[in-house]
Amino acid sequence: MAGLKNSEIVIGEGITEEYYFKSVRDVINSKPTTKSLKPYNMDELERAIKKYAGEGYSKIHCLIDMDNKASTPAIMTKYQRLKQKYDGKIIRKTDCEVRFYESFPSIELFFYYYFENSTAQKTNDGLKSWLKHKCGYDTSEKYFKNHSLHGTFIRNGGCLKDAIQNAKTSVRMRPANSFNCSYTEIGELIDSLGVK
């Protein structure tokens, strides 16, 4: 465990988050390990939190897509229990801090914010379609392996600092506990990792 002191891990609910955070490694100061889980599986997420805390990570960042939770009460209930149990807390005996970062509908909203700002409600499919038109975005693992997400956004006129600022604005503009607008907390996470 001593070798992992002050180490961070980003856990995403799928491969998109893992590949995105790999793509920004050169532009952020902290170099977190990245892992992906089966989407929408809250039991697997809890097992991962316990596992990585036990392995000695000092910070665990969980990236959460909220569209499926908002539309499925059973998943939302499990998620809320998990968030209440771990978010912003230090796990005893490991001194590991856990933080949840939500996006509604999904992480693709943060990608959209590289190019434009809007607090209007967006759908996951709508965001993916817009990104495909803007820069050829695709959610297949083949695409992710052959394209740096961050690099693709920059080459097509996007800006990480704008994405961070737009994301923070989306959080400020969000009505409390509401899904009537789009928001993402990914900007807070990227900011905490330190943009070069």
N, C-alpha and C. Protein backbone atom coordinates (compact mmCIF):
# COMPACT_ATOMS: atom_id res chain seq x y z
N MET A 1 0.81 -1.20 0.00
CA MET A 1 0.00 0.00 0.00
C MET A 1 0.85 1.26 0.00
N ALA A 2 2.03 1.22 0.56
CA ALA A 2 2.86 2.42 0.62
C ALA A 2 3.16 2.97 -0.75
N GLY A 3 3.25 2.10 -1.76
CA GLY A 3 3.55 2.56 -3.11
C GLY A 3 2.42 3.34 -3.75
N LEU A 4 1.22 3.27 -3.18
CA LEU A 4 0.08 3.97 -3.74
C LEU A 4 -0.25 5.27 -3.00
N LYS A 5 0.57 5.66 -2.02
CA LYS A 5 0.31 6.87 -1.25
C LYS A 5 0.13 8.06 -2.20
N ASN A 6 -0.89 8.86 -1.93
CA ASN A 6 -1.23 10.03 -2.74
C ASN A 6 -1.57 9.68 -4.18
N SER A 7 -2.03 8.46 -4.41
CA SER A 7 -2.42 8.08 -5.76
C SER A 7 -3.94 8.18 -5.90
N GLU A 8 -4.38 8.43 -7.12
CA GLU A 8 -5.79 8.62 -7.39
C GLU A 8 -6.24 7.66 -8.49
N ILE A 9 -7.52 7.31 -8.43
CA ILE A 9 -8.10 6.45 -9.47
C ILE A 9 -9.44 7.05 -9.88
N VAL A 10 -9.69 7.04 -11.18
CA VAL A 10 -10.97 7.47 -11.75
C VAL A 10 -11.70 6.21 -12.20
N ILE A 11 -12.90 6.02 -11.67
CA ILE A 11 -13.72 4.87 -12.04
C ILE A 11 -14.91 5.39 -12.83
N GLY A 12 -15.04 4.93 -14.05
CA GLY A 12 -16.16 5.34 -14.90
C GLY A 12 -17.16 4.23 -15.07
N GLU A 13 -18.38 4.62 -15.38
CA GLU A 13 -19.44 3.64 -15.62
C GLU A 13 -19.43 3.17 -17.07
N GLY A 14 -18.29 2.83 -17.58
CA GLY A 14 -18.16 2.40 -18.96
C GLY A 14 -16.81 2.83 -19.51
N ILE A 15 -16.54 2.46 -20.74
CA ILE A 15 -15.22 2.71 -21.32
C ILE A 15 -14.99 4.15 -21.74
N THR A 16 -16.04 4.91 -21.99
CA THR A 16 -15.88 6.29 -22.44
C THR A 16 -15.06 7.09 -21.43
N GLU A 17 -15.42 6.99 -20.16
CA GLU A 17 -14.72 7.75 -19.13
C GLU A 17 -13.26 7.33 -19.04
N GLU A 18 -13.02 6.04 -19.11
CA GLU A 18 -11.64 5.54 -19.03
C GLU A 18 -10.80 6.08 -20.17
N TYR A 19 -11.31 6.02 -21.39
CA TYR A 19 -10.54 6.51 -22.53
C TYR A 19 -10.39 8.03 -22.51
N TYR A 20 -11.42 8.73 -22.04
CA TYR A 20 -11.28 10.19 -21.97
C TYR A 20 -10.17 10.58 -21.00
N PHE A 21 -10.15 9.99 -19.83
CA PHE A 21 -9.13 10.38 -18.85
C PHE A 21 -7.73 9.95 -19.28
N LYS A 22 -7.63 8.89 -20.04
CA LYS A 22 -6.33 8.55 -20.63
C LYS A 22 -5.91 9.62 -21.63
N SER A 23 -6.87 10.20 -22.34
CA SER A 23 -6.55 11.19 -23.37
C SER A 23 -6.11 12.54 -22.80
N VAL A 24 -6.43 12.83 -21.53
CA VAL A 24 -6.02 14.12 -20.95
C VAL A 24 -4.79 14.02 -20.05
N ARG A 25 -4.19 12.85 -19.98
CA ARG A 25 -3.03 12.66 -19.09
C ARG A 25 -1.93 13.67 -19.33
N ASP A 26 -1.70 14.07 -20.56
CA ASP A 26 -0.62 15.00 -20.87
C ASP A 26 -0.94 16.45 -20.54
N VAL A 27 -2.19 16.76 -20.27
CA VAL A 27 -2.56 18.16 -20.01
C VAL A 27 -3.01 18.40 -18.57
N ILE A 28 -2.93 17.37 -17.72
CA ILE A 28 -3.25 17.56 -16.30
C ILE A 28 -2.05 17.18 -15.45
N ASN A 29 -1.94 17.79 -14.29
CA ASN A 29 -0.79 17.55 -13.41
C ASN A 29 -0.85 16.19 -12.75
N SER A 30 -2.01 15.81 -12.22
CA SER A 30 -2.16 14.52 -11.57
C SER A 30 -2.40 13.47 -12.64
N LYS A 31 -1.87 12.28 -12.44
CA LYS A 31 -2.00 11.21 -13.43
C LYS A 31 -2.76 10.04 -12.82
N PRO A 32 -4.08 10.15 -12.68
CA PRO A 32 -4.83 9.08 -12.02
C PRO A 32 -4.85 7.81 -12.86
N THR A 33 -4.93 6.70 -12.18
CA THR A 33 -5.22 5.42 -12.83
C THR A 33 -6.67 5.50 -13.31
N THR A 34 -7.01 4.83 -14.39
CA THR A 34 -8.39 4.85 -14.87
C THR A 34 -8.91 3.43 -15.01
N LYS A 35 -10.15 3.23 -14.63
CA LYS A 35 -10.81 1.93 -14.73
C LYS A 35 -12.25 2.14 -15.17
N SER A 36 -12.77 1.16 -15.89
CA SER A 36 -14.18 1.22 -16.26
C SER A 36 -14.91 0.00 -15.71
N LEU A 37 -16.19 0.21 -15.47
CA LEU A 37 -17.05 -0.86 -14.94
C LEU A 37 -18.16 -1.13 -15.92
N LYS A 38 -18.97 -2.13 -15.61
CA LYS A 38 -20.18 -2.35 -16.38
C LYS A 38 -21.11 -1.17 -16.11
N PRO A 39 -21.66 -0.58 -17.15
CA PRO A 39 -22.55 0.56 -16.92
C PRO A 39 -23.73 0.23 -16.01
N TYR A 40 -24.06 1.17 -15.15
CA TYR A 40 -25.27 1.16 -14.33
C TYR A 40 -25.30 0.09 -13.25
N ASN A 41 -24.18 -0.53 -12.95
CA ASN A 41 -24.17 -1.59 -11.95
C ASN A 41 -23.64 -1.03 -10.63
N MET A 42 -24.55 -0.66 -9.75
CA MET A 42 -24.17 -0.03 -8.49
C MET A 42 -23.48 -1.01 -7.54
N ASP A 43 -23.83 -2.27 -7.62
CA ASP A 43 -23.15 -3.27 -6.78
C ASP A 43 -21.68 -3.39 -7.19
N GLU A 44 -21.43 -3.40 -8.49
CA GLU A 44 -20.06 -3.47 -8.98
C GLU A 44 -19.27 -2.21 -8.59
N LEU A 45 -19.93 -1.07 -8.63
CA LEU A 45 -19.26 0.17 -8.23
C LEU A 45 -18.86 0.12 -6.76
N GLU A 46 -19.75 -0.36 -5.91
CA GLU A 46 -19.40 -0.46 -4.49
C GLU A 46 -18.24 -1.43 -4.27
N ARG A 47 -18.26 -2.56 -4.96
CA ARG A 47 -17.15 -3.51 -4.84
C ARG A 47 -15.84 -2.86 -5.29
N ALA A 48 -15.89 -2.06 -6.35
CA ALA A 48 -14.69 -1.39 -6.85
C ALA A 48 -14.18 -0.37 -5.83
N ILE A 49 -15.07 0.38 -5.22
CA ILE A 49 -14.66 1.35 -4.20
C ILE A 49 -13.92 0.64 -3.07
N LYS A 50 -14.50 -0.44 -2.57
CA LYS A 50 -13.86 -1.18 -1.48
C LYS A 50 -12.52 -1.76 -1.92
N LYS A 51 -12.48 -2.31 -3.12
CA LYS A 51 -11.25 -2.92 -3.64
C LYS A 51 -10.13 -1.90 -3.74
N TYR A 52 -10.40 -0.77 -4.40
CA TYR A 52 -9.34 0.22 -4.63
C TYR A 52 -8.94 0.95 -3.35
N ALA A 53 -9.88 1.13 -2.43
CA ALA A 53 -9.51 1.68 -1.12
C ALA A 53 -8.58 0.71 -0.41
N GLY A 54 -8.90 -0.58 -0.48
CA GLY A 54 -8.07 -1.61 0.14
C GLY A 54 -6.71 -1.75 -0.50
N GLU A 55 -6.60 -1.39 -1.76
CA GLU A 55 -5.31 -1.45 -2.45
C GLU A 55 -4.42 -0.25 -2.12
N GLY A 56 -4.97 0.74 -1.41
CA GLY A 56 -4.14 1.84 -0.95
C GLY A 56 -4.28 3.15 -1.71
N TYR A 57 -5.26 3.25 -2.61
CA TYR A 57 -5.47 4.54 -3.28
C TYR A 57 -5.90 5.57 -2.25
N SER A 58 -5.43 6.79 -2.39
CA SER A 58 -5.82 7.83 -1.44
C SER A 58 -7.09 8.56 -1.86
N LYS A 59 -7.38 8.57 -3.18
CA LYS A 59 -8.60 9.22 -3.68
C LYS A 59 -9.23 8.35 -4.76
N ILE A 60 -10.54 8.19 -4.65
CA ILE A 60 -11.30 7.49 -5.67
C ILE A 60 -12.33 8.46 -6.21
N HIS A 61 -12.29 8.68 -7.53
CA HIS A 61 -13.24 9.57 -8.21
C HIS A 61 -14.19 8.70 -9.02
N CYS A 62 -15.48 8.75 -8.72
CA CYS A 62 -16.48 7.94 -9.42
C CYS A 62 -17.27 8.84 -10.37
N LEU A 63 -17.24 8.51 -11.66
CA LEU A 63 -17.95 9.29 -12.67
C LEU A 63 -19.29 8.63 -12.95
N ILE A 64 -20.35 9.39 -12.78
CA ILE A 64 -21.70 8.83 -12.81
C ILE A 64 -22.55 9.50 -13.88
N ASP A 65 -23.08 8.70 -14.81
CA ASP A 65 -24.06 9.18 -15.78
C ASP A 65 -25.44 9.07 -15.13
N MET A 66 -26.17 10.17 -15.12
CA MET A 66 -27.44 10.20 -14.38
C MET A 66 -28.66 9.89 -15.21
N ASP A 67 -28.55 9.84 -16.54
CA ASP A 67 -29.76 9.64 -17.35
C ASP A 67 -30.47 8.34 -17.01
N ASN A 68 -29.71 7.26 -16.87
CA ASN A 68 -30.34 5.97 -16.57
C ASN A 68 -30.88 5.92 -15.15
N LYS A 69 -30.27 6.65 -14.26
CA LYS A 69 -30.75 6.65 -12.88
C LYS A 69 -32.04 7.46 -12.76
N ALA A 70 -32.08 8.59 -13.45
CA ALA A 70 -33.27 9.44 -13.40
C ALA A 70 -34.48 8.74 -14.01
N SER A 71 -34.23 7.84 -14.96
CA SER A 71 -35.34 7.17 -15.64
C SER A 71 -35.68 5.79 -15.06
N THR A 72 -34.86 5.31 -14.12
CA THR A 72 -35.10 3.98 -13.53
C THR A 72 -35.06 4.09 -12.01
N PRO A 73 -36.23 4.16 -11.37
CA PRO A 73 -36.27 4.36 -9.92
C PRO A 73 -35.43 3.38 -9.10
N ALA A 74 -35.40 2.11 -9.48
CA ALA A 74 -34.64 1.13 -8.71
C ALA A 74 -33.14 1.43 -8.75
N ILE A 75 -32.64 1.83 -9.92
CA ILE A 75 -31.23 2.18 -10.03
C ILE A 75 -30.95 3.47 -9.25
N MET A 76 -31.87 4.43 -9.34
CA MET A 76 -31.70 5.70 -8.62
C MET A 76 -31.64 5.46 -7.12
N THR A 77 -32.49 4.60 -6.60
CA THR A 77 -32.51 4.32 -5.17
C THR A 77 -31.17 3.71 -4.73
N LYS A 78 -30.68 2.73 -5.49
CA LYS A 78 -29.38 2.13 -5.16
C LYS A 78 -28.27 3.16 -5.24
N TYR A 79 -28.32 4.00 -6.28
CA TYR A 79 -27.29 5.03 -6.44
C TYR A 79 -27.31 6.01 -5.27
N GLN A 80 -28.48 6.47 -4.88
CA GLN A 80 -28.57 7.44 -3.78
C GLN A 80 -28.03 6.86 -2.48
N ARG A 81 -28.32 5.59 -2.23
CA ARG A 81 -27.77 4.94 -1.02
C ARG A 81 -26.24 4.89 -1.07
N LEU A 82 -25.73 4.51 -2.24
CA LEU A 82 -24.28 4.42 -2.42
C LEU A 82 -23.62 5.79 -2.28
N LYS A 83 -24.22 6.79 -2.88
CA LYS A 83 -23.68 8.15 -2.79
C LYS A 83 -23.70 8.63 -1.35
N GLN A 84 -24.79 8.41 -0.65
CA GLN A 84 -24.88 8.83 0.75
C GLN A 84 -23.82 8.14 1.61
N LYS A 85 -23.55 6.89 1.30
CA LYS A 85 -22.60 6.11 2.08
C LYS A 85 -21.15 6.55 1.86
N TYR A 86 -20.81 6.95 0.61
CA TYR A 86 -19.40 7.17 0.28
C TYR A 86 -19.02 8.59 -0.14
N ASP A 87 -19.90 9.32 -0.79
CA ASP A 87 -19.49 10.60 -1.39
C ASP A 87 -19.00 11.60 -0.37
N GLY A 88 -17.79 12.09 -0.59
CA GLY A 88 -17.20 13.08 0.30
C GLY A 88 -16.72 12.52 1.62
N LYS A 89 -16.65 11.21 1.71
CA LYS A 89 -16.25 10.57 2.97
C LYS A 89 -14.87 9.93 2.85
N ILE A 90 -14.27 9.73 4.00
CA ILE A 90 -12.99 9.02 4.10
C ILE A 90 -13.30 7.61 4.60
N ILE A 91 -12.83 6.61 3.88
CA ILE A 91 -13.07 5.23 4.29
C ILE A 91 -12.12 4.88 5.43
N ARG A 92 -12.70 4.45 6.54
CA ARG A 92 -11.89 4.11 7.72
C ARG A 92 -10.88 3.03 7.41
N LYS A 93 -9.80 3.07 8.12
CA LYS A 93 -8.69 2.11 8.03
C LYS A 93 -7.86 2.26 6.76
N THR A 94 -8.38 3.00 5.77
CA THR A 94 -7.62 3.15 4.53
C THR A 94 -7.24 4.60 4.26
N ASP A 95 -7.91 5.54 4.93
CA ASP A 95 -7.73 6.98 4.70
C ASP A 95 -7.96 7.35 3.23
N CYS A 96 -8.84 6.63 2.58
CA CYS A 96 -9.15 6.87 1.18
C CYS A 96 -10.39 7.76 1.07
N GLU A 97 -10.26 8.85 0.34
CA GLU A 97 -11.37 9.76 0.12
C GLU A 97 -12.11 9.37 -1.16
N VAL A 98 -13.43 9.33 -1.09
CA VAL A 98 -14.25 8.97 -2.25
C VAL A 98 -15.10 10.17 -2.63
N ARG A 99 -15.18 10.41 -3.94
CA ARG A 99 -16.00 11.53 -4.43
C ARG A 99 -16.75 11.08 -5.68
N PHE A 100 -18.00 11.45 -5.77
CA PHE A 100 -18.84 11.15 -6.93
C PHE A 100 -18.97 12.42 -7.77
N TYR A 101 -18.88 12.27 -9.09
CA TYR A 101 -19.04 13.38 -10.03
C TYR A 101 -20.12 12.99 -11.02
N GLU A 102 -21.22 13.70 -10.97
CA GLU A 102 -22.38 13.37 -11.80
C GLU A 102 -22.39 14.17 -13.10
N SER A 103 -22.99 13.56 -14.11
CA SER A 103 -23.31 14.24 -15.37
C SER A 103 -24.72 13.84 -15.77
N PHE A 104 -25.53 14.83 -16.10
CA PHE A 104 -26.85 14.54 -16.63
C PHE A 104 -26.97 15.20 -17.99
N PRO A 105 -27.13 14.44 -19.06
CA PRO A 105 -27.43 13.02 -19.01
C PRO A 105 -26.19 12.13 -18.88
N SER A 106 -25.04 12.56 -19.42
CA SER A 106 -23.87 11.68 -19.47
C SER A 106 -22.60 12.50 -19.63
N ILE A 107 -21.44 11.83 -19.63
CA ILE A 107 -20.16 12.50 -19.80
C ILE A 107 -20.07 13.23 -21.14
N GLU A 108 -20.85 12.80 -22.12
CA GLU A 108 -20.82 13.49 -23.42
C GLU A 108 -21.19 14.96 -23.30
N LEU A 109 -21.92 15.33 -22.24
CA LEU A 109 -22.22 16.75 -22.03
C LEU A 109 -20.92 17.53 -21.83
N PHE A 110 -19.98 16.96 -21.07
CA PHE A 110 -18.70 17.64 -20.86
C PHE A 110 -17.97 17.79 -22.20
N PHE A 111 -18.06 16.79 -23.04
CA PHE A 111 -17.42 16.88 -24.36
C PHE A 111 -18.07 18.00 -25.19
N TYR A 112 -19.38 18.10 -25.13
CA TYR A 112 -20.13 19.17 -25.81
C TYR A 112 -19.63 20.54 -25.34
N TYR A 113 -19.36 20.65 -24.04
CA TYR A 113 -18.92 21.92 -23.47
C TYR A 113 -17.55 22.36 -23.98
N TYR A 114 -16.79 21.51 -24.59
CA TYR A 114 -15.55 21.93 -25.25
C TYR A 114 -15.86 22.95 -26.36
N PHE A 115 -17.06 22.87 -26.91
CA PHE A 115 -17.42 23.66 -28.08
C PHE A 115 -18.47 24.72 -27.82
N GLU A 116 -19.46 24.39 -27.00
CA GLU A 116 -20.59 25.31 -26.77
C GLU A 116 -21.06 25.21 -25.33
N ASN A 117 -21.77 26.27 -24.89
CA ASN A 117 -22.36 26.28 -23.56
C ASN A 117 -23.86 26.39 -23.68
N SER A 118 -24.57 25.57 -22.96
CA SER A 118 -26.02 25.63 -22.91
C SER A 118 -26.48 24.89 -21.66
N THR A 119 -27.45 25.44 -20.97
CA THR A 119 -28.02 24.73 -19.83
C THR A 119 -29.34 24.08 -20.23
N ALA A 120 -29.70 24.17 -21.50
CA ALA A 120 -30.92 23.51 -21.97
C ALA A 120 -30.78 22.00 -21.78
N GLN A 121 -31.88 21.35 -21.55
CA GLN A 121 -31.84 19.91 -21.33
C GLN A 121 -31.42 19.20 -22.63
N LYS A 122 -30.48 18.29 -22.50
CA LYS A 122 -29.96 17.52 -23.63
C LYS A 122 -30.23 16.04 -23.38
N THR A 123 -30.35 15.29 -24.45
CA THR A 123 -30.46 13.84 -24.32
C THR A 123 -29.10 13.23 -24.63
N ASN A 124 -28.88 12.04 -24.12
CA ASN A 124 -27.63 11.34 -24.39
C ASN A 124 -27.48 11.09 -25.90
N ASP A 125 -28.53 10.60 -26.54
CA ASP A 125 -28.47 10.35 -27.98
C ASP A 125 -28.25 11.64 -28.76
N GLY A 126 -28.90 12.71 -28.32
CA GLY A 126 -28.72 14.00 -28.99
C GLY A 126 -27.29 14.50 -28.89
N LEU A 127 -26.68 14.34 -27.73
CA LEU A 127 -25.28 14.76 -27.56
C LEU A 127 -24.35 13.94 -28.45
N LYS A 128 -24.56 12.63 -28.47
CA LYS A 128 -23.71 11.76 -29.29
C LYS A 128 -23.85 12.11 -30.77
N SER A 129 -25.06 12.37 -31.20
CA SER A 129 -25.30 12.75 -32.60
C SER A 129 -24.61 14.08 -32.92
N TRP A 130 -24.73 15.04 -32.02
CA TRP A 130 -24.10 16.35 -32.23
C TRP A 130 -22.58 16.21 -32.32
N LEU A 131 -21.99 15.42 -31.41
CA LEU A 131 -20.54 15.21 -31.40
C LEU A 131 -20.08 14.45 -32.64
N LYS A 132 -20.88 13.50 -33.11
CA LYS A 132 -20.54 12.76 -34.33
C LYS A 132 -20.46 13.73 -35.51
N HIS A 133 -21.44 14.60 -35.60
CA HIS A 133 -21.46 15.60 -36.68
C HIS A 133 -20.29 16.59 -36.55
N LYS A 134 -20.00 17.00 -35.33
CA LYS A 134 -18.95 18.01 -35.08
C LYS A 134 -17.55 17.45 -35.32
N CYS A 135 -17.29 16.22 -34.84
CA CYS A 135 -15.90 15.74 -34.90
C CYS A 135 -15.76 14.24 -35.16
N GLY A 136 -16.83 13.59 -35.63
CA GLY A 136 -16.73 12.17 -35.96
C GLY A 136 -16.83 11.24 -34.77
N TYR A 137 -17.24 11.74 -33.63
CA TYR A 137 -17.31 10.98 -32.38
C TYR A 137 -18.12 9.71 -32.52
N ASP A 138 -17.61 8.65 -31.90
CA ASP A 138 -18.27 7.35 -31.90
C ASP A 138 -18.01 6.74 -30.52
N THR A 139 -18.90 5.89 -30.05
CA THR A 139 -18.72 5.31 -28.71
C THR A 139 -18.19 3.88 -28.74
N SER A 140 -17.67 3.45 -29.87
CA SER A 140 -17.12 2.09 -29.94
C SER A 140 -15.70 2.06 -29.37
N GLU A 141 -15.32 0.92 -28.81
CA GLU A 141 -13.96 0.80 -28.29
C GLU A 141 -12.93 0.95 -29.40
N LYS A 142 -13.25 0.49 -30.59
CA LYS A 142 -12.34 0.65 -31.74
C LYS A 142 -12.05 2.13 -31.98
N TYR A 143 -13.09 2.95 -31.95
CA TYR A 143 -12.91 4.40 -32.12
C TYR A 143 -12.03 4.97 -31.02
N PHE A 144 -12.33 4.61 -29.77
CA PHE A 144 -11.56 5.14 -28.64
C PHE A 144 -10.09 4.74 -28.71
N LYS A 145 -9.82 3.52 -29.17
CA LYS A 145 -8.43 3.08 -29.27
C LYS A 145 -7.66 3.83 -30.36
N ASN A 146 -8.38 4.30 -31.38
CA ASN A 146 -7.72 4.96 -32.51
C ASN A 146 -7.80 6.48 -32.48
N HIS A 147 -8.50 7.04 -31.51
CA HIS A 147 -8.67 8.50 -31.43
C HIS A 147 -8.50 8.96 -29.99
N SER A 148 -7.61 9.89 -29.77
CA SER A 148 -7.54 10.56 -28.47
C SER A 148 -8.76 11.47 -28.38
N LEU A 149 -9.64 11.24 -27.43
CA LEU A 149 -10.84 12.06 -27.33
C LEU A 149 -10.49 13.54 -27.16
N HIS A 150 -9.65 13.83 -26.17
CA HIS A 150 -9.27 15.23 -25.95
C HIS A 150 -8.62 15.82 -27.21
N GLY A 151 -7.70 15.09 -27.82
CA GLY A 151 -7.04 15.57 -29.03
C GLY A 151 -8.02 15.82 -30.16
N THR A 152 -9.00 14.94 -30.32
CA THR A 152 -10.02 15.12 -31.35
C THR A 152 -10.82 16.39 -31.11
N PHE A 153 -11.20 16.63 -29.87
CA PHE A 153 -11.98 17.84 -29.56
C PHE A 153 -11.16 19.10 -29.84
N ILE A 154 -9.90 19.10 -29.46
CA ILE A 154 -9.04 20.27 -29.68
C ILE A 154 -8.84 20.51 -31.17
N ARG A 155 -8.55 19.46 -31.93
CA ARG A 155 -8.34 19.60 -33.38
C ARG A 155 -9.57 20.14 -34.10
N ASN A 156 -10.74 19.94 -33.51
CA ASN A 156 -11.98 20.40 -34.13
C ASN A 156 -12.50 21.71 -33.53
N GLY A 157 -11.61 22.45 -32.86
CA GLY A 157 -11.96 23.78 -32.36
C GLY A 157 -12.44 23.83 -30.92
N GLY A 158 -12.35 22.72 -30.20
CA GLY A 158 -12.76 22.71 -28.80
C GLY A 158 -11.68 23.24 -27.87
N CYS A 159 -12.06 23.52 -26.64
CA CYS A 159 -11.12 24.06 -25.65
C CYS A 159 -11.44 23.46 -24.27
N LEU A 160 -10.45 22.83 -23.64
CA LEU A 160 -10.64 22.22 -22.33
C LEU A 160 -11.01 23.25 -21.27
N LYS A 161 -10.35 24.40 -21.28
CA LYS A 161 -10.66 25.42 -20.27
C LYS A 161 -12.10 25.90 -20.41
N ASP A 162 -12.60 26.00 -21.65
CA ASP A 162 -14.01 26.36 -21.85
C ASP A 162 -14.92 25.26 -21.30
N ALA A 163 -14.55 24.00 -21.54
CA ALA A 163 -15.36 22.88 -21.05
C ALA A 163 -15.45 22.93 -19.53
N ILE A 164 -14.34 23.20 -18.87
CA ILE A 164 -14.33 23.27 -17.40
C ILE A 164 -15.24 24.40 -16.93
N GLN A 165 -15.09 25.57 -17.53
CA GLN A 165 -15.89 26.72 -17.13
C GLN A 165 -17.37 26.50 -17.41
N ASN A 166 -17.67 25.96 -18.59
CA ASN A 166 -19.07 25.68 -18.94
C ASN A 166 -19.68 24.65 -18.00
N ALA A 167 -18.89 23.65 -17.62
CA ALA A 167 -19.38 22.63 -16.69
C ALA A 167 -19.69 23.25 -15.33
N LYS A 168 -18.79 24.10 -14.85
CA LYS A 168 -19.03 24.75 -13.55
C LYS A 168 -20.28 25.62 -13.61
N THR A 169 -20.49 26.31 -14.73
CA THR A 169 -21.69 27.12 -14.90
C THR A 169 -22.93 26.23 -14.87
N SER A 170 -22.86 25.06 -15.51
CA SER A 170 -24.01 24.16 -15.54
C SER A 170 -24.41 23.71 -14.13
N VAL A 171 -23.42 23.50 -13.27
CA VAL A 171 -23.70 23.08 -11.90
C VAL A 171 -24.33 24.23 -11.12
N ARG A 172 -23.80 25.45 -11.31
CA ARG A 172 -24.38 26.62 -10.61
C ARG A 172 -25.81 26.88 -11.05
N MET A 173 -26.12 26.64 -12.32
CA MET A 173 -27.43 26.95 -12.87
C MET A 173 -28.47 25.85 -12.58
N ARG A 174 -28.03 24.71 -12.13
CA ARG A 174 -28.94 23.58 -11.93
C ARG A 174 -29.86 23.82 -10.74
N PRO A 175 -31.17 23.69 -10.94
CA PRO A 175 -32.07 23.74 -9.79
C PRO A 175 -31.77 22.55 -8.88
N ALA A 176 -31.79 22.74 -7.59
CA ALA A 176 -31.44 21.68 -6.63
C ALA A 176 -32.22 20.40 -6.88
N ASN A 177 -31.48 19.29 -6.95
CA ASN A 177 -32.06 17.96 -7.11
C ASN A 177 -33.01 17.83 -8.30
N SER A 178 -32.76 18.58 -9.36
CA SER A 178 -33.64 18.57 -10.52
C SER A 178 -32.91 18.02 -11.75
N PHE A 179 -33.66 17.38 -12.63
CA PHE A 179 -33.12 16.93 -13.90
C PHE A 179 -33.80 17.67 -15.05
N ASN A 180 -34.19 18.93 -14.80
CA ASN A 180 -34.83 19.75 -15.83
C ASN A 180 -33.82 20.52 -16.66
N CYS A 181 -32.55 20.34 -16.39
CA CYS A 181 -31.50 20.95 -17.21
C CYS A 181 -30.31 20.00 -17.19
N SER A 182 -29.43 20.21 -18.14
CA SER A 182 -28.22 19.39 -18.21
C SER A 182 -27.15 19.99 -17.31
N TYR A 183 -26.34 19.11 -16.69
CA TYR A 183 -25.23 19.59 -15.86
C TYR A 183 -24.16 18.50 -15.81
N THR A 184 -22.95 18.93 -15.51
CA THR A 184 -21.87 17.97 -15.29
C THR A 184 -20.89 18.51 -14.27
N GLU A 185 -20.45 17.64 -13.39
CA GLU A 185 -19.46 17.99 -12.37
C GLU A 185 -18.04 17.60 -12.79
N ILE A 186 -17.88 17.15 -14.03
CA ILE A 186 -16.56 16.72 -14.51
C ILE A 186 -15.57 17.88 -14.48
N GLY A 187 -16.03 19.09 -14.72
CA GLY A 187 -15.14 20.26 -14.68
C GLY A 187 -14.47 20.41 -13.32
N GLU A 188 -15.20 20.14 -12.25
CA GLU A 188 -14.63 20.20 -10.90
C GLU A 188 -13.51 19.18 -10.75
N LEU A 189 -13.73 17.98 -11.27
CA LEU A 189 -12.71 16.94 -11.16
C LEU A 189 -11.46 17.32 -11.96
N ILE A 190 -11.65 17.73 -13.19
CA ILE A 190 -10.48 18.10 -14.02
C ILE A 190 -9.72 19.24 -13.35
N ASP A 191 -10.45 20.21 -12.83
CA ASP A 191 -9.82 21.34 -12.14
C ASP A 191 -9.01 20.85 -10.94
N SER A 192 -9.56 19.90 -10.19
CA SER A 192 -8.85 19.40 -9.00
C SER A 192 -7.59 18.62 -9.38
N LEU A 193 -7.56 18.04 -10.58
CA LEU A 193 -6.39 17.31 -11.04
C LEU A 193 -5.31 18.25 -11.57
N GLY A 194 -5.67 19.52 -11.82
CA GLY A 194 -4.72 20.53 -12.23
C GLY A 194 -4.43 20.55 -13.71
N VAL A 195 -5.00 21.52 -14.41
CA VAL A 195 -4.73 21.67 -15.84
C VAL A 195 -3.43 22.42 -16.01
N LYS A 196 -2.56 21.91 -16.86
CA LYS A 196 -1.25 22.56 -17.11
C LYS A 196 -1.42 23.84 -17.90
